[in-house]
Amino acid sequence: RSTLDRSSAASDVYKRQVSVGDEAFSQCMDFDELYFGSSLLSVGREAFSGCVNLKTLELGSSLKTIGDGAFSGMLKIRYITLPASVETVGSGIFKSCSLLRVVTILKEKDSLDTSGWGVGFSITWKPQ
C-alpha cells in the first residue's frame, strides 16, 4: 500500500484531474490516501468502489457530480467531506462503508437528497 501525500509528484497528477471515470479506481488496493485538487469536477459511477485500504479521500472544492456507488465498499474510511460545490449525487454512494461514521457536507441542510446513500453513519451539514 502507498500514500500519495500532498507534496509528491504523483499526487500532483491527481490534483490536476478534472474527472474520475466510472470504476477508475474500483477494487484498487494500492492506496491508503488520495488527494484531488480544485480542478476535480466529477466522480463517476463506482469510481472508488471496493477500495478497501483507502482511509483518506480529499475531493477538492469544485466537485459538482458524484455517480452511483462512487465510494461503496470503502471499508476503512471513517470520515469524508463533500464540498459546497456538489450539485448532483447518485444513489448508494456510501453503501457497505462499514467504518464510515461521519459525512460532512459543506452546504445548507437538506440541500442534497441523502436518501439512499447508505446506513450506519451520521451527516453533518456545515454551510460556508
Protein backbone atom coordinates (compact mmCIF):
# COMPACT_ATOMS: atom_id res chain seq x y z
CA ARG A 1 0.00 0.00 0.00
CA SER A 2 1.16 3.50 -0.61
CA THR A 3 0.24 7.05 0.14
CA LEU A 4 0.19 9.92 -2.29
CA ASP A 5 0.90 12.77 0.06
CA ARG A 6 0.07 16.33 -0.82
CA SER A 7 3.65 17.15 -1.82
CA SER A 8 4.53 14.16 -4.01
CA ALA A 9 4.88 14.44 -7.78
CA ALA A 10 2.39 11.58 -8.29
CA SER A 11 -0.15 13.37 -6.13
CA ASP A 12 0.24 16.47 -8.33
CA VAL A 13 -1.20 14.44 -11.22
CA TYR A 14 -4.36 13.79 -9.23
CA LYS A 15 -4.54 17.41 -8.11
CA ARG A 16 -4.94 18.42 -11.77
CA GLN A 17 -7.50 15.71 -12.55
CA VAL A 18 -10.81 17.05 -13.94
CA SER A 19 -12.78 13.83 -13.59
CA VAL A 20 -12.52 10.33 -12.19
CA GLY A 21 -14.20 7.97 -14.64
CA ASP A 22 -16.62 5.12 -13.95
CA GLU A 23 -14.84 2.36 -11.99
CA ALA A 24 -11.48 4.18 -12.39
CA PHE A 25 -10.13 3.05 -9.01
CA SER A 26 -12.65 0.24 -8.44
CA GLN A 27 -11.17 -2.61 -6.37
CA CYS A 28 -7.83 -0.74 -6.15
CA MET A 29 -5.91 -1.75 -3.05
CA ASP A 30 -2.78 0.30 -3.73
CA PHE A 31 -3.57 3.49 -1.81
CA ASP A 32 -4.19 4.49 1.80
CA GLU A 33 -4.78 8.15 0.86
CA LEU A 34 -5.69 10.10 -2.27
CA TYR A 35 -5.89 13.88 -2.65
CA PHE A 36 -7.63 15.57 -5.55
CA GLY A 37 -7.36 19.30 -6.23
CA SER A 38 -9.85 22.01 -7.02
CA SER A 39 -9.94 21.08 -10.72
CA LEU A 40 -11.91 17.88 -9.98
CA LEU A 41 -15.48 18.31 -11.27
CA SER A 42 -16.92 14.80 -11.37
CA VAL A 43 -16.55 11.36 -9.83
CA GLY A 44 -18.04 8.58 -11.93
CA ARG A 45 -20.17 5.56 -11.09
CA GLU A 46 -18.39 3.18 -8.68
CA ALA A 47 -15.16 5.17 -9.17
CA PHE A 48 -13.73 4.13 -5.79
CA SER A 49 -15.94 1.12 -5.01
CA GLY A 50 -14.13 -1.65 -3.21
CA CYS A 51 -11.05 0.44 -2.37
CA VAL A 52 -10.77 -1.43 0.91
CA ASN A 53 -7.49 0.16 2.05
CA LEU A 54 -8.37 3.78 1.32
CA LYS A 55 -8.64 5.70 4.62
CA THR A 56 -8.43 9.29 3.39
CA LEU A 57 -10.01 10.77 0.29
CA GLU A 58 -9.88 14.52 -0.31
CA LEU A 59 -12.13 15.60 -3.17
CA GLY A 60 -11.26 19.26 -3.73
CA SER A 61 -13.50 22.31 -3.67
CA SER A 62 -15.05 22.29 -7.17
CA LEU A 63 -16.64 18.83 -7.33
CA LYS A 64 -20.13 19.00 -8.86
CA THR A 65 -21.24 15.44 -9.64
CA ILE A 66 -20.87 12.11 -7.83
CA GLY A 67 -22.04 8.93 -9.59
CA ASP A 68 -23.97 5.96 -8.18
CA GLY A 69 -21.98 3.83 -5.74
CA ALA A 70 -18.92 6.07 -6.13
CA PHE A 71 -17.50 5.27 -2.69
CA SER A 72 -19.28 1.98 -1.91
CA GLY A 73 -17.30 -0.73 -0.18
CA MET A 74 -14.55 1.54 1.10
CA LEU A 75 -14.07 -0.47 4.27
CA LYS A 76 -11.53 1.71 6.11
CA ILE A 77 -12.83 5.22 5.51
CA ARG A 78 -14.25 6.81 8.68
CA TYR A 79 -14.87 10.43 7.67
CA ILE A 80 -15.40 12.20 4.37
CA THR A 81 -16.26 15.76 3.42
CA LEU A 82 -18.30 16.76 0.38
CA PRO A 83 -17.60 20.31 -0.82
CA ALA A 84 -20.20 23.07 -1.14
CA SER A 85 -19.97 22.84 -4.93
CA VAL A 86 -21.65 19.38 -5.10
CA GLU A 87 -24.94 19.57 -7.00
CA THR A 88 -25.77 16.00 -8.06
CA VAL A 89 -25.22 12.81 -6.09
CA GLY A 90 -26.12 9.29 -7.17
CA SER A 91 -27.60 6.55 -5.01
CA GLY A 92 -25.72 4.13 -2.76
CA ILE A 93 -22.59 6.24 -2.69
CA PHE A 94 -21.61 5.01 0.78
CA LYS A 95 -23.15 1.53 0.67
CA SER A 96 -21.11 -1.06 2.61
CA CYS A 97 -18.72 1.51 4.10
CA SER A 98 -18.78 -0.29 7.44
CA LEU A 99 -16.40 2.02 9.36
CA LEU A 100 -17.81 5.29 8.00
CA ARG A 101 -19.01 7.41 10.92
CA VAL A 102 -19.49 10.97 9.64
CA VAL A 103 -20.19 12.53 6.26
CA THR A 104 -19.69 16.29 6.39
CA ILE A 105 -21.46 18.31 3.72
CA LEU A 106 -20.35 21.92 3.31
CA LYS A 107 -23.83 23.10 2.26
CA GLU A 108 -27.12 24.23 3.74
CA LYS A 109 -29.03 21.45 5.50
CA ASP A 110 -31.12 19.30 3.17
CA SER A 111 -29.79 20.97 0.02
CA LEU A 112 -28.91 17.48 -1.26
CA ASP A 113 -31.12 14.40 -1.21
CA THR A 114 -29.24 11.98 1.05
CA SER A 115 -31.81 9.19 0.96
CA GLY A 116 -30.35 6.00 -0.41
CA TRP A 117 -26.72 6.93 0.33
CA GLY A 118 -26.22 4.07 2.78
CA VAL A 119 -26.66 3.44 6.51
CA GLY A 120 -24.66 3.48 9.74
CA PHE A 121 -23.22 7.00 9.61
CA SER A 122 -24.32 10.50 10.54
CA ILE A 123 -24.49 13.51 8.25
CA THR A 124 -23.23 16.89 9.42
CA TRP A 125 -24.22 19.98 7.45
CA LYS A 126 -21.75 22.89 7.62
CA PRO A 127 -22.70 25.70 5.25
CA GLN A 128 -19.87 28.04 4.35
